[in-house]
N, C-alpha and C. Protein backbone atom coordinates (compact mmCIF):
# COMPACT_ATOMS: atom_id res chain seq x y z
N MET A 1 -7.79 18.83 -15.63
CA MET A 1 -8.10 17.98 -14.49
C MET A 1 -7.84 18.77 -13.20
N THR A 2 -8.79 18.69 -12.25
CA THR A 2 -8.64 19.41 -10.99
C THR A 2 -7.63 18.70 -10.09
N GLU A 3 -7.19 19.41 -9.05
CA GLU A 3 -6.25 18.81 -8.10
C GLU A 3 -6.89 17.60 -7.43
N SER A 4 -8.16 17.71 -7.10
CA SER A 4 -8.88 16.59 -6.47
C SER A 4 -8.93 15.37 -7.39
N GLU A 5 -9.16 15.59 -8.67
CA GLU A 5 -9.19 14.48 -9.63
C GLU A 5 -7.81 13.85 -9.79
N LEU A 6 -6.77 14.69 -9.79
CA LEU A 6 -5.40 14.16 -9.86
C LEU A 6 -5.08 13.34 -8.62
N ASP A 7 -5.47 13.86 -7.45
CA ASP A 7 -5.24 13.13 -6.20
C ASP A 7 -5.91 11.75 -6.28
N GLN A 8 -7.13 11.70 -6.78
CA GLN A 8 -7.83 10.43 -6.88
C GLN A 8 -7.17 9.50 -7.90
N GLN A 9 -6.71 10.06 -8.99
CA GLN A 9 -6.04 9.24 -10.02
C GLN A 9 -4.79 8.58 -9.45
N PHE A 10 -3.96 9.35 -8.75
CA PHE A 10 -2.73 8.79 -8.21
C PHE A 10 -3.00 7.86 -7.01
N MET A 11 -4.07 8.16 -6.24
CA MET A 11 -4.42 7.26 -5.14
C MET A 11 -4.92 5.94 -5.70
N ARG A 12 -5.63 5.96 -6.81
CA ARG A 12 -6.08 4.70 -7.43
C ARG A 12 -4.88 3.85 -7.83
N ARG A 13 -3.82 4.49 -8.30
CA ARG A 13 -2.61 3.73 -8.63
C ARG A 13 -2.01 3.14 -7.35
N ALA A 14 -2.00 3.91 -6.28
CA ALA A 14 -1.49 3.39 -5.00
C ALA A 14 -2.32 2.19 -4.54
N ILE A 15 -3.63 2.25 -4.74
CA ILE A 15 -4.51 1.13 -4.38
C ILE A 15 -4.15 -0.11 -5.22
N GLU A 16 -3.86 0.09 -6.50
CA GLU A 16 -3.43 -1.04 -7.35
C GLU A 16 -2.15 -1.65 -6.81
N LEU A 17 -1.21 -0.81 -6.41
CA LEU A 17 0.06 -1.30 -5.87
C LEU A 17 -0.17 -2.04 -4.54
N ALA A 18 -1.12 -1.56 -3.74
CA ALA A 18 -1.46 -2.26 -2.50
C ALA A 18 -1.96 -3.66 -2.83
N GLY A 19 -2.65 -3.78 -3.94
CA GLY A 19 -3.10 -5.10 -4.40
C GLY A 19 -1.93 -6.03 -4.69
N LYS A 20 -0.83 -5.47 -5.22
CA LYS A 20 0.38 -6.28 -5.44
C LYS A 20 0.91 -6.80 -4.11
N ALA A 21 0.94 -5.92 -3.11
CA ALA A 21 1.40 -6.33 -1.78
C ALA A 21 0.55 -7.49 -1.29
N GLU A 22 -0.76 -7.34 -1.40
CA GLU A 22 -1.67 -8.38 -0.93
C GLU A 22 -1.45 -9.69 -1.66
N SER A 23 -1.20 -9.63 -2.97
CA SER A 23 -0.98 -10.85 -3.74
C SER A 23 0.31 -11.55 -3.32
N GLU A 24 1.20 -10.82 -2.68
CA GLU A 24 2.45 -11.39 -2.18
C GLU A 24 2.35 -11.78 -0.70
N GLY A 25 1.14 -11.69 -0.14
CA GLY A 25 0.94 -12.04 1.26
C GLY A 25 1.30 -10.94 2.24
N GLU A 26 1.47 -9.74 1.74
CA GLU A 26 1.83 -8.59 2.58
C GLU A 26 0.59 -7.77 2.92
N VAL A 27 0.69 -6.96 3.97
CA VAL A 27 -0.39 -6.02 4.29
C VAL A 27 -0.53 -5.08 3.10
N PRO A 28 -1.76 -4.91 2.57
CA PRO A 28 -1.94 -4.14 1.34
C PRO A 28 -1.84 -2.62 1.53
N VAL A 29 -0.61 -2.14 1.37
CA VAL A 29 -0.35 -0.70 1.37
C VAL A 29 0.46 -0.41 0.13
N GLY A 30 0.05 0.63 -0.61
CA GLY A 30 0.75 1.03 -1.82
C GLY A 30 1.06 2.51 -1.77
N ALA A 31 2.13 2.90 -2.48
CA ALA A 31 2.55 4.31 -2.49
C ALA A 31 3.08 4.70 -3.86
N VAL A 32 2.87 5.97 -4.19
CA VAL A 32 3.30 6.54 -5.47
C VAL A 32 3.91 7.92 -5.19
N VAL A 33 5.06 8.21 -5.80
CA VAL A 33 5.66 9.54 -5.72
C VAL A 33 5.51 10.19 -7.09
N VAL A 34 4.98 11.41 -7.09
CA VAL A 34 4.71 12.14 -8.32
C VAL A 34 5.49 13.44 -8.32
N HIS A 35 6.16 13.73 -9.44
CA HIS A 35 6.92 14.97 -9.61
C HIS A 35 6.53 15.59 -10.94
N ASP A 36 6.07 16.83 -10.91
CA ASP A 36 5.61 17.51 -12.13
C ASP A 36 4.59 16.68 -12.91
N GLY A 37 3.69 16.02 -12.19
CA GLY A 37 2.63 15.25 -12.83
C GLY A 37 3.03 13.88 -13.34
N VAL A 38 4.28 13.48 -13.09
CA VAL A 38 4.79 12.20 -13.58
C VAL A 38 5.15 11.30 -12.40
N VAL A 39 4.74 10.04 -12.47
CA VAL A 39 5.10 9.08 -11.42
C VAL A 39 6.59 8.78 -11.53
N ILE A 40 7.32 9.03 -10.45
CA ILE A 40 8.77 8.77 -10.43
C ILE A 40 9.16 7.71 -9.41
N GLY A 41 8.19 7.26 -8.63
CA GLY A 41 8.49 6.22 -7.65
C GLY A 41 7.23 5.47 -7.28
N GLU A 42 7.34 4.16 -7.18
CA GLU A 42 6.22 3.33 -6.76
C GLU A 42 6.72 2.31 -5.76
N GLY A 43 5.83 1.94 -4.85
CA GLY A 43 6.21 0.91 -3.88
C GLY A 43 4.99 0.28 -3.27
N TRP A 44 5.19 -0.90 -2.73
CA TRP A 44 4.16 -1.60 -1.98
C TRP A 44 4.87 -2.35 -0.88
N ASN A 45 4.14 -2.67 0.17
CA ASN A 45 4.74 -3.35 1.31
C ASN A 45 5.43 -4.63 0.85
N ARG A 46 6.67 -4.81 1.32
CA ARG A 46 7.44 -6.01 0.96
C ARG A 46 8.25 -6.50 2.15
N LEU A 47 7.79 -6.20 3.34
CA LEU A 47 8.51 -6.55 4.56
C LEU A 47 8.80 -8.04 4.67
N ILE A 48 7.77 -8.85 4.46
CA ILE A 48 7.90 -10.30 4.62
C ILE A 48 8.80 -10.87 3.53
N GLY A 49 8.51 -10.53 2.29
CA GLY A 49 9.25 -11.07 1.16
C GLY A 49 10.71 -10.66 1.13
N GLN A 50 10.99 -9.45 1.59
CA GLN A 50 12.38 -8.98 1.58
C GLN A 50 13.07 -9.13 2.94
N HIS A 51 12.34 -9.65 3.92
CA HIS A 51 12.90 -9.83 5.26
C HIS A 51 13.51 -8.51 5.74
N ASP A 52 12.73 -7.43 5.59
CA ASP A 52 13.25 -6.09 5.84
C ASP A 52 12.15 -5.24 6.49
N ALA A 53 12.34 -4.89 7.75
CA ALA A 53 11.34 -4.09 8.48
C ALA A 53 11.17 -2.70 7.89
N THR A 54 12.12 -2.25 7.08
CA THR A 54 12.00 -0.91 6.48
C THR A 54 11.38 -0.95 5.08
N ALA A 55 10.97 -2.10 4.62
CA ALA A 55 10.44 -2.22 3.25
C ALA A 55 8.95 -1.86 3.18
N HIS A 56 8.60 -0.73 3.80
CA HIS A 56 7.24 -0.22 3.70
C HIS A 56 7.04 0.39 2.32
N ALA A 57 5.79 0.48 1.88
CA ALA A 57 5.46 1.00 0.56
C ALA A 57 6.08 2.39 0.34
N GLU A 58 5.97 3.26 1.34
CA GLU A 58 6.49 4.62 1.20
C GLU A 58 8.00 4.64 1.03
N MET A 59 8.68 3.80 1.80
CA MET A 59 10.14 3.76 1.73
C MET A 59 10.59 3.29 0.36
N MET A 60 9.90 2.29 -0.18
CA MET A 60 10.25 1.77 -1.50
C MET A 60 10.05 2.85 -2.56
N ALA A 61 8.93 3.57 -2.46
CA ALA A 61 8.63 4.63 -3.44
C ALA A 61 9.61 5.79 -3.32
N LEU A 62 9.98 6.17 -2.10
CA LEU A 62 10.95 7.25 -1.90
C LEU A 62 12.32 6.88 -2.47
N ARG A 63 12.74 5.65 -2.23
CA ARG A 63 14.04 5.19 -2.76
C ARG A 63 14.07 5.27 -4.28
N GLN A 64 13.01 4.79 -4.91
CA GLN A 64 12.95 4.81 -6.38
C GLN A 64 12.92 6.25 -6.90
N ALA A 65 12.15 7.11 -6.25
CA ALA A 65 12.05 8.51 -6.68
C ALA A 65 13.40 9.22 -6.58
N GLY A 66 14.13 8.96 -5.50
CA GLY A 66 15.45 9.56 -5.34
C GLY A 66 16.40 9.13 -6.45
N LYS A 67 16.32 7.87 -6.83
CA LYS A 67 17.18 7.39 -7.92
C LYS A 67 16.80 8.03 -9.24
N VAL A 68 15.50 8.17 -9.49
CA VAL A 68 15.05 8.79 -10.74
C VAL A 68 15.53 10.23 -10.83
N LEU A 69 15.39 10.98 -9.73
CA LEU A 69 15.81 12.40 -9.74
C LEU A 69 17.30 12.58 -9.46
N GLN A 70 17.97 11.48 -9.10
CA GLN A 70 19.38 11.54 -8.73
C GLN A 70 19.60 12.53 -7.59
N ASN A 71 18.66 12.51 -6.63
CA ASN A 71 18.73 13.41 -5.49
C ASN A 71 17.77 12.88 -4.43
N TYR A 72 18.22 12.83 -3.18
CA TYR A 72 17.33 12.37 -2.12
C TYR A 72 16.33 13.44 -1.73
N ARG A 73 16.58 14.69 -2.12
CA ARG A 73 15.65 15.77 -1.80
C ARG A 73 14.55 15.81 -2.85
N LEU A 74 13.33 15.67 -2.38
CA LEU A 74 12.18 15.56 -3.27
C LEU A 74 11.21 16.73 -3.03
N LEU A 75 11.77 17.93 -2.99
CA LEU A 75 11.02 19.13 -2.59
C LEU A 75 9.71 19.35 -3.33
N GLU A 76 9.66 19.13 -4.59
CA GLU A 76 8.46 19.42 -5.37
C GLU A 76 7.57 18.21 -5.56
N ALA A 77 7.91 17.11 -4.93
CA ALA A 77 7.18 15.86 -5.15
C ALA A 77 6.02 15.69 -4.17
N VAL A 78 5.05 14.88 -4.59
CA VAL A 78 3.92 14.52 -3.74
C VAL A 78 3.92 12.99 -3.60
N LEU A 79 3.77 12.53 -2.38
CA LEU A 79 3.70 11.09 -2.12
C LEU A 79 2.26 10.74 -1.79
N TYR A 80 1.71 9.77 -2.52
CA TYR A 80 0.37 9.25 -2.29
C TYR A 80 0.51 7.88 -1.66
N VAL A 81 -0.21 7.64 -0.57
CA VAL A 81 -0.13 6.34 0.10
C VAL A 81 -1.51 5.98 0.64
N THR A 82 -1.83 4.69 0.58
CA THR A 82 -3.18 4.25 0.94
C THR A 82 -3.46 4.29 2.44
N LEU A 83 -2.42 4.26 3.27
CA LEU A 83 -2.57 4.29 4.72
C LEU A 83 -1.69 5.39 5.29
N GLU A 84 -2.18 6.06 6.29
CA GLU A 84 -1.41 7.12 6.95
C GLU A 84 -0.03 6.60 7.33
N PRO A 85 1.02 7.38 7.04
CA PRO A 85 2.39 6.93 7.32
C PRO A 85 2.65 6.66 8.80
N CYS A 86 3.50 5.67 9.05
CA CYS A 86 3.97 5.36 10.39
C CYS A 86 5.10 6.33 10.75
N PRO A 87 5.58 6.31 11.99
CA PRO A 87 6.67 7.23 12.37
C PRO A 87 7.94 7.08 11.52
N MET A 88 8.32 5.85 11.18
CA MET A 88 9.52 5.65 10.36
C MET A 88 9.36 6.32 9.00
N CYS A 89 8.24 6.07 8.36
CA CYS A 89 8.02 6.62 7.02
C CYS A 89 7.85 8.13 7.06
N ALA A 90 7.14 8.63 8.07
CA ALA A 90 6.97 10.08 8.20
C ALA A 90 8.33 10.76 8.38
N SER A 91 9.19 10.16 9.17
CA SER A 91 10.54 10.73 9.36
C SER A 91 11.32 10.72 8.06
N ALA A 92 11.20 9.65 7.29
CA ALA A 92 11.89 9.58 5.99
C ALA A 92 11.36 10.67 5.06
N MET A 93 10.08 10.96 5.14
CA MET A 93 9.50 12.01 4.31
C MET A 93 10.05 13.38 4.69
N VAL A 94 10.22 13.61 5.97
CA VAL A 94 10.81 14.87 6.43
C VAL A 94 12.25 14.95 5.93
N HIS A 95 13.02 13.88 6.08
CA HIS A 95 14.42 13.88 5.64
C HIS A 95 14.55 14.03 4.13
N SER A 96 13.59 13.49 3.39
CA SER A 96 13.66 13.61 1.93
C SER A 96 13.15 14.96 1.45
N ARG A 97 12.61 15.74 2.38
CA ARG A 97 12.07 17.07 2.05
C ARG A 97 10.92 16.99 1.04
N ILE A 98 10.15 15.88 1.12
CA ILE A 98 9.02 15.73 0.21
C ILE A 98 8.09 16.94 0.37
N GLY A 99 7.49 17.36 -0.71
CA GLY A 99 6.64 18.55 -0.64
C GLY A 99 5.32 18.31 0.06
N LYS A 100 4.67 17.18 -0.25
CA LYS A 100 3.34 16.91 0.31
C LYS A 100 3.10 15.42 0.37
N VAL A 101 2.30 15.02 1.35
CA VAL A 101 1.86 13.63 1.49
C VAL A 101 0.33 13.63 1.45
N VAL A 102 -0.20 12.74 0.62
CA VAL A 102 -1.65 12.56 0.52
C VAL A 102 -1.91 11.10 0.88
N PHE A 103 -2.74 10.86 1.90
CA PHE A 103 -3.02 9.48 2.29
C PHE A 103 -4.51 9.19 2.27
N GLY A 104 -4.82 7.90 2.19
CA GLY A 104 -6.20 7.46 2.15
C GLY A 104 -6.78 7.29 3.53
N ALA A 105 -6.55 6.14 4.13
CA ALA A 105 -7.13 5.81 5.43
C ALA A 105 -6.24 6.26 6.58
N PRO A 106 -6.84 6.80 7.63
CA PRO A 106 -6.04 7.12 8.83
C PRO A 106 -5.64 5.83 9.53
N ASP A 107 -4.56 5.90 10.32
CA ASP A 107 -4.10 4.77 11.11
C ASP A 107 -4.14 5.18 12.57
N TYR A 108 -5.17 4.72 13.27
CA TYR A 108 -5.38 5.13 14.66
C TYR A 108 -4.49 4.40 15.65
N LYS A 109 -3.62 3.52 15.17
CA LYS A 109 -2.68 2.84 16.06
C LYS A 109 -1.28 3.44 15.97
N THR A 110 -0.82 3.71 14.74
CA THR A 110 0.56 4.20 14.59
C THR A 110 0.68 5.39 13.64
N GLY A 111 -0.41 6.02 13.31
CA GLY A 111 -0.38 7.12 12.34
C GLY A 111 0.44 8.31 12.81
N ALA A 112 1.36 8.74 11.96
CA ALA A 112 2.26 9.85 12.31
C ALA A 112 2.00 11.10 11.47
N ALA A 113 0.77 11.19 10.93
CA ALA A 113 0.39 12.40 10.18
C ALA A 113 -0.88 12.98 10.79
N GLY A 114 -0.97 12.88 12.11
CA GLY A 114 -2.07 13.52 12.82
C GLY A 114 -2.96 12.61 13.64
N SER A 115 -3.06 11.33 13.30
CA SER A 115 -3.98 10.46 14.05
C SER A 115 -3.48 10.15 15.45
N VAL A 116 -2.24 9.73 15.57
CA VAL A 116 -1.65 9.44 16.88
C VAL A 116 -0.64 10.53 17.25
N MET A 117 0.14 10.91 16.27
CA MET A 117 1.15 11.97 16.45
C MET A 117 1.32 12.65 15.09
N ASN A 118 2.05 13.75 15.08
CA ASN A 118 2.30 14.41 13.79
C ASN A 118 3.78 14.71 13.65
N LEU A 119 4.48 13.82 12.97
CA LEU A 119 5.91 14.04 12.73
C LEU A 119 6.16 14.85 11.47
N LEU A 120 5.14 15.01 10.63
CA LEU A 120 5.34 15.74 9.37
C LEU A 120 5.49 17.25 9.59
N SER A 121 4.94 17.75 10.67
CA SER A 121 5.11 19.18 10.94
C SER A 121 5.48 19.42 12.39
N TYR A 122 6.24 18.51 12.93
CA TYR A 122 6.74 18.61 14.30
C TYR A 122 7.61 19.86 14.42
N GLU A 123 7.41 20.62 15.49
CA GLU A 123 8.09 21.91 15.65
C GLU A 123 9.61 21.84 15.53
N GLY A 124 10.20 20.80 16.07
CA GLY A 124 11.65 20.74 16.15
C GLY A 124 12.39 20.32 14.89
N VAL A 125 11.67 20.03 13.80
CA VAL A 125 12.36 19.57 12.60
C VAL A 125 12.56 20.72 11.62
N ASN A 126 13.54 20.55 10.73
CA ASN A 126 13.91 21.62 9.81
C ASN A 126 13.06 21.69 8.55
N HIS A 127 12.20 20.71 8.31
CA HIS A 127 11.33 20.73 7.13
C HIS A 127 9.95 20.26 7.54
N HIS A 128 8.95 21.00 7.17
CA HIS A 128 7.57 20.60 7.45
C HIS A 128 6.92 20.15 6.16
N VAL A 129 6.27 19.02 6.22
CA VAL A 129 5.63 18.42 5.05
C VAL A 129 4.14 18.74 5.09
N GLN A 130 3.62 19.25 4.00
CA GLN A 130 2.17 19.43 3.90
C GLN A 130 1.54 18.05 3.81
N TYR A 131 0.35 17.91 4.32
CA TYR A 131 -0.31 16.62 4.24
C TYR A 131 -1.82 16.78 4.15
N GLN A 132 -2.43 15.74 3.59
CA GLN A 132 -3.88 15.69 3.44
C GLN A 132 -4.31 14.24 3.55
N GLY A 133 -5.28 13.98 4.37
CA GLY A 133 -5.80 12.63 4.52
C GLY A 133 -7.19 12.52 3.93
N GLY A 134 -7.66 11.29 3.80
CA GLY A 134 -9.03 11.04 3.41
C GLY A 134 -9.30 10.92 1.93
N VAL A 135 -8.27 10.88 1.09
CA VAL A 135 -8.50 10.73 -0.35
C VAL A 135 -8.81 9.26 -0.64
N LEU A 136 -9.98 9.00 -1.17
CA LEU A 136 -10.48 7.64 -1.39
C LEU A 136 -10.38 6.80 -0.11
N GLU A 137 -10.66 7.45 1.00
CA GLU A 137 -10.50 6.82 2.32
C GLU A 137 -11.28 5.51 2.43
N GLU A 138 -12.52 5.50 1.97
CA GLU A 138 -13.34 4.30 2.12
C GLU A 138 -12.74 3.11 1.36
N GLU A 139 -12.30 3.34 0.13
CA GLU A 139 -11.70 2.26 -0.67
C GLU A 139 -10.42 1.74 -0.02
N CYS A 140 -9.61 2.68 0.47
CA CYS A 140 -8.36 2.28 1.12
C CYS A 140 -8.62 1.50 2.39
N ARG A 141 -9.55 1.98 3.20
CA ARG A 141 -9.87 1.30 4.46
C ARG A 141 -10.45 -0.10 4.18
N GLU A 142 -11.36 -0.19 3.21
CA GLU A 142 -11.99 -1.48 2.91
C GLU A 142 -10.97 -2.50 2.42
N GLN A 143 -9.99 -2.05 1.63
CA GLN A 143 -8.95 -2.96 1.15
C GLN A 143 -8.19 -3.57 2.33
N LEU A 144 -7.84 -2.73 3.29
CA LEU A 144 -7.12 -3.21 4.48
C LEU A 144 -8.01 -4.09 5.35
N GLN A 145 -9.24 -3.66 5.59
CA GLN A 145 -10.13 -4.44 6.45
C GLN A 145 -10.44 -5.81 5.85
N ALA A 146 -10.65 -5.87 4.54
CA ALA A 146 -10.93 -7.15 3.88
C ALA A 146 -9.74 -8.09 4.03
N PHE A 147 -8.54 -7.55 3.89
CA PHE A 147 -7.32 -8.36 4.05
C PHE A 147 -7.26 -8.96 5.45
N PHE A 148 -7.50 -8.13 6.48
CA PHE A 148 -7.39 -8.63 7.85
C PHE A 148 -8.55 -9.56 8.21
N ARG A 149 -9.74 -9.32 7.66
CA ARG A 149 -10.86 -10.27 7.86
C ARG A 149 -10.48 -11.63 7.30
N ARG A 150 -9.96 -11.64 6.09
CA ARG A 150 -9.57 -12.90 5.45
C ARG A 150 -8.46 -13.59 6.24
N ARG A 151 -7.48 -12.80 6.68
CA ARG A 151 -6.37 -13.38 7.44
C ARG A 151 -6.87 -14.01 8.75
N ARG A 152 -7.77 -13.32 9.46
CA ARG A 152 -8.31 -13.88 10.70
C ARG A 152 -9.08 -15.17 10.42
N SER A 153 -9.84 -15.18 9.34
CA SER A 153 -10.60 -16.37 8.96
C SER A 153 -9.66 -17.53 8.63
N GLU A 154 -8.59 -17.25 7.91
CA GLU A 154 -7.61 -18.29 7.56
C GLU A 154 -6.94 -18.85 8.81
N LYS A 155 -6.58 -17.98 9.75
CA LYS A 155 -5.93 -18.43 10.98
C LYS A 155 -6.89 -19.28 11.81
N LYS A 156 -8.16 -18.88 11.84
CA LYS A 156 -9.16 -19.65 12.58
C LYS A 156 -9.31 -21.03 11.95
N ALA A 157 -9.37 -21.10 10.62
CA ALA A 157 -9.51 -22.38 9.92
C ALA A 157 -8.29 -23.27 10.18
N GLU A 158 -7.10 -22.68 10.18
CA GLU A 158 -5.88 -23.45 10.46
C GLU A 158 -5.92 -24.02 11.87
N LYS A 159 -6.34 -23.20 12.81
CA LYS A 159 -6.42 -23.64 14.21
C LYS A 159 -7.40 -24.79 14.36
N GLU A 160 -8.56 -24.66 13.71
CA GLU A 160 -9.57 -25.72 13.77
C GLU A 160 -9.07 -27.00 13.10
N ALA A 161 -8.35 -26.87 12.00
CA ALA A 161 -7.80 -28.05 11.31
C ALA A 161 -6.76 -28.75 12.19
N ARG A 162 -5.91 -27.97 12.87
CA ARG A 162 -4.92 -28.58 13.78
C ARG A 162 -5.62 -29.31 14.93
N LYS A 163 -6.66 -28.67 15.46
CA LYS A 163 -7.40 -29.25 16.57
C LYS A 163 -8.07 -30.56 16.12
N ALA A 164 -8.67 -30.55 14.93
CA ALA A 164 -9.32 -31.76 14.40
C ALA A 164 -8.30 -32.87 14.15
N ALA A 165 -7.12 -32.50 13.69
CA ALA A 165 -6.08 -33.51 13.41
C ALA A 165 -5.54 -34.12 14.69
N GLN A 166 -5.58 -33.38 15.78
CA GLN A 166 -5.04 -33.87 17.05
C GLN A 166 -6.03 -34.70 17.84
N SER A 167 -7.32 -34.50 17.61
CA SER A 167 -8.33 -35.24 18.41
C SER A 167 -8.43 -36.69 17.91
N PRO A 168 -8.63 -37.62 18.84
CA PRO A 168 -8.73 -39.03 18.45
C PRO A 168 -9.97 -39.25 17.59
N SER A 169 -9.86 -40.17 16.69
CA SER A 169 -10.96 -40.49 15.78
C SER A 169 -12.02 -41.30 16.52
N ASP A 170 -13.25 -41.03 16.21
CA ASP A 170 -14.37 -41.78 16.82
C ASP A 170 -14.87 -42.85 15.83
N GLU A 171 -14.05 -43.84 15.58
CA GLU A 171 -14.44 -44.89 14.62
C GLU A 171 -14.69 -46.19 15.37
N ASN A 172 -15.86 -46.37 15.89
CA ASN A 172 -16.22 -47.60 16.60
C ASN A 172 -17.23 -48.38 15.85
């Protein structure tokens, strides 16, 4: 199997995990940490359910991987994530000394792997993380866009239902 095929295989697993996040009412982002070809950490967004602003998919996967290896340093590991990491997650990746990050869709609002800023190879840090974006980008982007389209539609329907419930009835 080529490196590109492996990247797609592990990104597909991250997409599945993003589906778990979505089924829990969370923004659909999934992450997988791979070491020597074996998945050692998985995570999906759980911010709402765990009442924890740090419960991003990447953070969950990094925590699990560290426990599996019994070491917070993940030098030879690759992290796959469906959305470009935010500054918090990118910093955690630098601190964990992860070897490489592979992401699907870029994040033009808070992306910290090149879209808005680049914390993975920032000059002043002691570890630079290799990174690659665009793996199954279209699938990852569509999963997120579909979620937000549905959420906007649901909010609009709720607003209209509240408005209808508040207006006086025209029963003459």
